[in-house]
Amino acid sequence: MATTAAEVRLIMNVTETKLPDAKIAPFITAGDEIVDQVFLDDTELSTTLLAEIKKWMVAHMIASTIYRTTSDEKLGDASVKYTGKWGMKLESTPYGQVVLVMDITGRMANAGKMRAGIFAVPEFDE
């Protein structure tokens, strides 16, 4: 089941919910596909939990790009500090942190990491 814009708005901050469906749609497509690929062969998570992970993943993607969450704001001499840092992946937003908590398999935390491999070198006749 695909995530809807209304579902994403329900979990996001009030200031972030003014996005029209058309702006949220690309994030839904990407977020749902990422989660689907990460859990392609998984049988441990229920469909309900996967649907929840998708919603929070979409919110994370939105908060990472067009509506970054702030940790500190100031009015006089205008100043803003954003939460998280680039390169922190899912840990960079509160929404991504919820994804990590909901994923009891740890797959989302490992998604995108390099995999190590060991290959035997065959003997060569000289």
N, C-alpha and C. Protein backbone atom coordinates (compact mmCIF):
# COMPACT_ATOMS: atom_id res chain seq x y z
N MET A 1 0.84 -1.18 0.00
CA MET A 1 0.00 0.00 0.00
C MET A 1 0.88 1.25 0.00
N ALA A 2 0.57 2.17 -0.87
CA ALA A 2 1.36 3.40 -0.99
C ALA A 2 0.99 4.40 0.10
N THR A 3 1.98 5.13 0.52
CA THR A 3 1.80 6.19 1.50
C THR A 3 1.02 7.34 0.85
N THR A 4 0.23 8.05 1.63
CA THR A 4 -0.50 9.20 1.11
C THR A 4 0.06 10.49 1.72
N ALA A 5 -0.15 11.58 1.03
CA ALA A 5 0.29 12.89 1.53
C ALA A 5 -0.38 13.22 2.85
N ALA A 6 -1.65 12.86 3.00
CA ALA A 6 -2.38 13.13 4.24
C ALA A 6 -1.74 12.39 5.42
N GLU A 7 -1.30 11.16 5.19
CA GLU A 7 -0.65 10.39 6.26
C GLU A 7 0.66 11.03 6.69
N VAL A 8 1.40 11.54 5.73
CA VAL A 8 2.67 12.19 6.04
C VAL A 8 2.43 13.48 6.81
N ARG A 9 1.44 14.25 6.41
CA ARG A 9 1.13 15.51 7.09
C ARG A 9 0.76 15.28 8.56
N LEU A 10 0.11 14.15 8.84
CA LEU A 10 -0.30 13.86 10.21
C LEU A 10 0.88 13.72 11.17
N ILE A 11 2.02 13.27 10.67
CA ILE A 11 3.15 13.07 11.57
C ILE A 11 4.15 14.22 11.55
N MET A 12 3.96 15.15 10.62
CA MET A 12 4.91 16.27 10.53
C MET A 12 4.44 17.48 11.32
N ASN A 13 5.38 18.34 11.67
CA ASN A 13 5.12 19.57 12.39
C ASN A 13 4.14 20.46 11.62
N VAL A 14 3.35 21.23 12.33
CA VAL A 14 2.33 22.10 11.71
C VAL A 14 2.91 23.00 10.63
N THR A 15 4.08 23.56 10.85
CA THR A 15 4.65 24.47 9.85
C THR A 15 5.06 23.72 8.58
N GLU A 16 5.22 22.41 8.68
CA GLU A 16 5.65 21.62 7.53
C GLU A 16 4.48 20.99 6.78
N THR A 17 3.27 21.16 7.26
CA THR A 17 2.13 20.48 6.66
C THR A 17 1.46 21.26 5.54
N LYS A 18 1.97 22.42 5.21
CA LYS A 18 1.35 23.24 4.18
C LYS A 18 1.78 22.85 2.77
N LEU A 19 2.55 21.81 2.65
CA LEU A 19 2.97 21.35 1.33
C LEU A 19 1.79 20.77 0.56
N PRO A 20 1.65 21.15 -0.70
CA PRO A 20 0.58 20.54 -1.51
C PRO A 20 0.94 19.10 -1.87
N ASP A 21 -0.06 18.31 -2.18
CA ASP A 21 0.15 16.90 -2.55
C ASP A 21 1.19 16.74 -3.65
N ALA A 22 1.16 17.65 -4.63
CA ALA A 22 2.10 17.55 -5.76
C ALA A 22 3.56 17.67 -5.31
N LYS A 23 3.81 18.44 -4.24
CA LYS A 23 5.18 18.58 -3.73
C LYS A 23 5.60 17.34 -2.93
N ILE A 24 4.63 16.69 -2.29
CA ILE A 24 4.92 15.52 -1.46
C ILE A 24 5.05 14.25 -2.32
N ALA A 25 4.36 14.20 -3.44
CA ALA A 25 4.31 13.00 -4.28
C ALA A 25 5.68 12.42 -4.66
N PRO A 26 6.65 13.22 -5.10
CA PRO A 26 7.96 12.63 -5.45
C PRO A 26 8.65 11.98 -4.25
N PHE A 27 8.46 12.56 -3.07
CA PHE A 27 9.05 11.99 -1.86
C PHE A 27 8.39 10.67 -1.51
N ILE A 28 7.08 10.58 -1.74
CA ILE A 28 6.36 9.33 -1.49
C ILE A 28 6.87 8.24 -2.43
N THR A 29 7.01 8.58 -3.69
CA THR A 29 7.51 7.60 -4.66
C THR A 29 8.89 7.08 -4.24
N ALA A 30 9.78 8.01 -3.92
CA ALA A 30 11.15 7.62 -3.54
C ALA A 30 11.19 6.88 -2.21
N GLY A 31 10.52 7.42 -1.20
CA GLY A 31 10.54 6.81 0.13
C GLY A 31 9.95 5.41 0.14
N ASP A 32 8.80 5.25 -0.51
CA ASP A 32 8.17 3.93 -0.58
C ASP A 32 9.06 2.93 -1.30
N GLU A 33 9.70 3.36 -2.38
CA GLU A 33 10.56 2.47 -3.15
C GLU A 33 11.81 2.06 -2.35
N ILE A 34 12.39 3.00 -1.64
CA ILE A 34 13.56 2.68 -0.82
C ILE A 34 13.20 1.62 0.21
N VAL A 35 12.12 1.84 0.93
CA VAL A 35 11.71 0.88 1.96
C VAL A 35 11.37 -0.47 1.33
N ASP A 36 10.67 -0.45 0.21
CA ASP A 36 10.35 -1.71 -0.48
C ASP A 36 11.61 -2.48 -0.85
N GLN A 37 12.62 -1.79 -1.36
CA GLN A 37 13.85 -2.45 -1.77
C GLN A 37 14.65 -2.98 -0.57
N VAL A 38 14.70 -2.22 0.50
CA VAL A 38 15.43 -2.64 1.69
C VAL A 38 14.81 -3.90 2.30
N PHE A 39 13.48 -3.96 2.26
CA PHE A 39 12.78 -5.09 2.88
C PHE A 39 12.20 -6.06 1.84
N LEU A 40 12.80 -6.10 0.66
CA LEU A 40 12.31 -6.91 -0.44
C LEU A 40 12.06 -8.37 -0.07
N ASP A 41 12.98 -8.98 0.62
CA ASP A 41 12.86 -10.40 0.96
C ASP A 41 12.63 -10.62 2.45
N ASP A 42 12.15 -9.60 3.15
CA ASP A 42 11.97 -9.68 4.60
C ASP A 42 10.62 -10.28 4.96
N THR A 43 10.63 -11.15 5.93
CA THR A 43 9.38 -11.72 6.42
C THR A 43 9.18 -11.43 7.90
N GLU A 44 10.10 -10.68 8.49
CA GLU A 44 10.03 -10.39 9.92
C GLU A 44 9.06 -9.26 10.26
N LEU A 45 8.91 -8.28 9.38
CA LEU A 45 8.08 -7.12 9.68
C LEU A 45 6.67 -7.27 9.11
N SER A 46 5.71 -6.85 9.89
CA SER A 46 4.32 -6.89 9.43
C SER A 46 4.09 -5.82 8.37
N THR A 47 3.05 -5.98 7.60
CA THR A 47 2.72 -4.96 6.59
C THR A 47 2.35 -3.63 7.25
N THR A 48 1.78 -3.71 8.44
CA THR A 48 1.43 -2.48 9.18
C THR A 48 2.69 -1.72 9.56
N LEU A 49 3.70 -2.42 10.08
CA LEU A 49 4.94 -1.77 10.48
C LEU A 49 5.69 -1.23 9.26
N LEU A 50 5.69 -1.96 8.17
CA LEU A 50 6.32 -1.47 6.94
C LEU A 50 5.65 -0.19 6.46
N ALA A 51 4.32 -0.14 6.53
CA ALA A 51 3.59 1.06 6.11
C ALA A 51 3.96 2.25 7.00
N GLU A 52 4.13 2.01 8.30
CA GLU A 52 4.53 3.08 9.21
C GLU A 52 5.95 3.55 8.90
N ILE A 53 6.86 2.63 8.65
CA ILE A 53 8.23 2.99 8.31
C ILE A 53 8.25 3.85 7.05
N LYS A 54 7.41 3.51 6.08
CA LYS A 54 7.35 4.29 4.84
C LYS A 54 6.92 5.73 5.11
N LYS A 55 5.90 5.93 5.94
CA LYS A 55 5.43 7.28 6.25
C LYS A 55 6.54 8.12 6.88
N TRP A 56 7.21 7.53 7.85
CA TRP A 56 8.27 8.26 8.54
C TRP A 56 9.47 8.49 7.64
N MET A 57 9.73 7.56 6.72
CA MET A 57 10.82 7.73 5.76
C MET A 57 10.53 8.92 4.84
N VAL A 58 9.31 9.02 4.38
CA VAL A 58 8.92 10.15 3.53
C VAL A 58 9.07 11.46 4.30
N ALA A 59 8.61 11.49 5.54
CA ALA A 59 8.75 12.69 6.37
C ALA A 59 10.23 13.04 6.54
N HIS A 60 11.07 12.03 6.74
CA HIS A 60 12.52 12.26 6.87
C HIS A 60 13.08 12.89 5.60
N MET A 61 12.68 12.38 4.45
CA MET A 61 13.20 12.91 3.19
C MET A 61 12.78 14.36 2.98
N ILE A 62 11.55 14.68 3.34
CA ILE A 62 11.07 16.05 3.22
C ILE A 62 11.84 16.96 4.18
N ALA A 63 12.02 16.50 5.43
CA ALA A 63 12.71 17.29 6.44
C ALA A 63 14.21 17.42 6.13
N SER A 64 14.74 16.53 5.31
CA SER A 64 16.16 16.59 4.94
C SER A 64 16.42 17.55 3.79
N THR A 65 15.37 17.93 3.10
CA THR A 65 15.57 18.72 1.88
C THR A 65 14.82 20.05 1.92
N ILE A 66 13.54 20.03 1.66
CA ILE A 66 12.82 21.29 1.48
C ILE A 66 12.26 21.89 2.77
N TYR A 67 12.14 21.10 3.83
CA TYR A 67 11.64 21.61 5.11
C TYR A 67 12.48 21.08 6.25
N ARG A 68 13.71 21.57 6.34
CA ARG A 68 14.61 21.12 7.40
C ARG A 68 14.12 21.61 8.75
N THR A 69 14.22 20.76 9.76
CA THR A 69 13.78 21.13 11.10
C THR A 69 14.87 21.95 11.80
N THR A 70 14.43 22.87 12.64
CA THR A 70 15.37 23.74 13.32
C THR A 70 15.54 23.34 14.78
N SER A 71 16.73 23.58 15.30
CA SER A 71 17.00 23.31 16.72
C SER A 71 17.08 24.61 17.51
N ASP A 72 17.33 25.71 16.81
CA ASP A 72 17.46 27.00 17.47
C ASP A 72 17.05 28.10 16.49
N GLU A 73 16.23 29.01 16.98
CA GLU A 73 15.80 30.14 16.15
C GLU A 73 15.96 31.42 16.96
N LYS A 74 16.19 32.51 16.28
CA LYS A 74 16.37 33.80 16.93
C LYS A 74 15.70 34.85 16.06
N LEU A 75 15.08 35.83 16.64
CA LEU A 75 14.39 36.84 15.84
C LEU A 75 15.25 38.07 15.60
N GLY A 76 15.80 38.66 16.65
CA GLY A 76 16.67 39.82 16.47
C GLY A 76 17.97 39.41 15.79
N ASP A 77 18.34 40.08 14.73
CA ASP A 77 19.49 39.74 13.89
C ASP A 77 19.36 38.33 13.31
N ALA A 78 18.16 37.93 13.03
CA ALA A 78 17.78 36.65 12.42
C ALA A 78 18.85 35.57 12.39
N SER A 79 18.60 34.49 13.05
CA SER A 79 19.53 33.37 13.10
C SER A 79 18.75 32.07 13.18
N VAL A 80 19.22 31.04 12.51
CA VAL A 80 18.56 29.73 12.53
C VAL A 80 19.63 28.65 12.57
N LYS A 81 19.43 27.64 13.39
CA LYS A 81 20.30 26.46 13.40
C LYS A 81 19.43 25.25 13.07
N TYR A 82 19.89 24.47 12.13
CA TYR A 82 19.14 23.29 11.72
C TYR A 82 19.58 22.05 12.49
N THR A 83 18.66 21.12 12.67
CA THR A 83 19.00 19.87 13.33
C THR A 83 19.80 18.99 12.38
N GLY A 84 20.59 18.12 12.94
CA GLY A 84 21.34 17.16 12.15
C GLY A 84 22.41 17.80 11.29
N LYS A 85 23.19 16.95 10.65
CA LYS A 85 24.24 17.39 9.74
C LYS A 85 24.20 16.48 8.53
N TRP A 86 24.64 17.00 7.41
CA TRP A 86 24.71 16.18 6.21
C TRP A 86 25.65 15.01 6.48
N GLY A 87 25.30 13.86 5.96
CA GLY A 87 26.12 12.68 6.15
C GLY A 87 25.68 11.83 7.33
N MET A 88 24.75 12.32 8.12
CA MET A 88 24.27 11.56 9.28
C MET A 88 23.15 10.59 8.90
N LYS A 89 22.74 10.62 7.65
CA LYS A 89 21.69 9.74 7.13
C LYS A 89 20.42 9.85 7.97
N LEU A 90 19.84 8.73 8.36
CA LEU A 90 18.56 8.75 9.07
C LEU A 90 18.64 9.41 10.45
N GLU A 91 19.81 9.52 11.00
CA GLU A 91 19.97 10.16 12.30
C GLU A 91 19.85 11.67 12.23
N SER A 92 19.83 12.24 11.02
CA SER A 92 19.85 13.69 10.87
C SER A 92 18.51 14.37 11.12
N THR A 93 17.42 13.62 11.19
CA THR A 93 16.12 14.23 11.48
C THR A 93 15.39 13.39 12.53
N PRO A 94 14.46 14.02 13.26
CA PRO A 94 13.66 13.25 14.21
C PRO A 94 12.86 12.13 13.51
N TYR A 95 12.43 12.40 12.29
CA TYR A 95 11.64 11.40 11.55
C TYR A 95 12.49 10.19 11.18
N GLY A 96 13.72 10.44 10.76
CA GLY A 96 14.63 9.36 10.43
C GLY A 96 14.99 8.54 11.66
N GLN A 97 15.10 9.20 12.80
CA GLN A 97 15.39 8.49 14.04
C GLN A 97 14.24 7.55 14.40
N VAL A 98 13.01 7.97 14.12
CA VAL A 98 11.86 7.10 14.37
C VAL A 98 11.91 5.89 13.43
N VAL A 99 12.32 6.09 12.18
CA VAL A 99 12.49 4.97 11.25
C VAL A 99 13.44 3.94 11.85
N LEU A 100 14.55 4.41 12.39
CA LEU A 100 15.54 3.51 12.97
C LEU A 100 14.97 2.74 14.17
N VAL A 101 14.16 3.39 14.97
CA VAL A 101 13.55 2.73 16.12
C VAL A 101 12.53 1.68 15.68
N MET A 102 11.72 2.02 14.68
CA MET A 102 10.69 1.08 14.22
C MET A 102 11.26 -0.12 13.48
N ASP A 103 12.42 0.03 12.88
CA ASP A 103 13.03 -1.07 12.13
C ASP A 103 13.74 -2.01 13.08
N ILE A 104 13.05 -3.04 13.52
CA ILE A 104 13.61 -3.99 14.48
C ILE A 104 14.65 -4.91 13.84
N THR A 105 14.78 -4.87 12.53
CA THR A 105 15.76 -5.72 11.84
C THR A 105 17.12 -5.04 11.70
N GLY A 106 17.16 -3.71 11.78
CA GLY A 106 18.40 -2.96 11.59
C GLY A 106 18.75 -2.74 10.13
N ARG A 107 17.88 -3.14 9.22
CA ARG A 107 18.20 -3.00 7.79
C ARG A 107 18.29 -1.56 7.34
N MET A 108 17.42 -0.69 7.85
CA MET A 108 17.46 0.71 7.43
C MET A 108 18.76 1.38 7.89
N ALA A 109 19.25 1.03 9.07
CA ALA A 109 20.50 1.60 9.56
C ALA A 109 21.67 1.17 8.68
N ASN A 110 21.58 0.00 8.09
CA ASN A 110 22.68 -0.51 7.26
C ASN A 110 22.50 -0.20 5.77
N ALA A 111 21.35 0.31 5.39
CA ALA A 111 21.09 0.60 3.97
C ALA A 111 22.10 1.63 3.46
N GLY A 112 22.66 1.34 2.31
CA GLY A 112 23.59 2.27 1.69
C GLY A 112 25.03 2.13 2.15
N LYS A 113 25.28 1.28 3.12
CA LYS A 113 26.65 1.08 3.58
C LYS A 113 27.36 0.12 2.65
N MET A 114 28.64 0.28 2.57
CA MET A 114 29.47 -0.60 1.74
C MET A 114 29.51 -1.98 2.39
N ARG A 115 29.44 -2.99 1.56
CA ARG A 115 29.55 -4.35 2.05
C ARG A 115 30.95 -4.87 1.78
N ALA A 116 31.50 -5.51 2.77
CA ALA A 116 32.83 -6.09 2.60
C ALA A 116 32.68 -7.49 2.01
N GLY A 117 33.65 -7.88 1.26
CA GLY A 117 33.61 -9.22 0.68
C GLY A 117 35.01 -9.80 0.62
N ILE A 118 35.06 -11.09 0.70
CA ILE A 118 36.34 -11.79 0.59
C ILE A 118 36.24 -12.75 -0.59
N PHE A 119 37.18 -12.64 -1.46
CA PHE A 119 37.20 -13.49 -2.63
C PHE A 119 38.53 -14.25 -2.69
N ALA A 120 38.45 -15.52 -2.97
CA ALA A 120 39.67 -16.31 -3.10
C ALA A 120 40.28 -16.07 -4.48
N VAL A 121 41.57 -15.94 -4.50
CA VAL A 121 42.27 -15.75 -5.77
C VAL A 121 42.70 -17.14 -6.25
N PRO A 122 42.29 -17.52 -7.44
CA PRO A 122 42.68 -18.84 -7.92
C PRO A 122 44.18 -18.91 -8.18
N GLU A 123 44.68 -20.11 -8.12
CA GLU A 123 46.10 -20.28 -8.40
C GLU A 123 46.34 -20.09 -9.89
N PHE A 124 47.47 -19.53 -10.18
CA PHE A 124 47.82 -19.31 -11.57
C PHE A 124 49.02 -20.19 -11.92
N ASP A 125 48.91 -20.88 -13.00
CA ASP A 125 50.05 -21.64 -13.50
C ASP A 125 50.94 -20.72 -14.31
N GLU A 126 52.21 -20.74 -14.03
CA GLU A 126 53.11 -19.89 -14.79
C GLU A 126 53.98 -20.71 -15.68
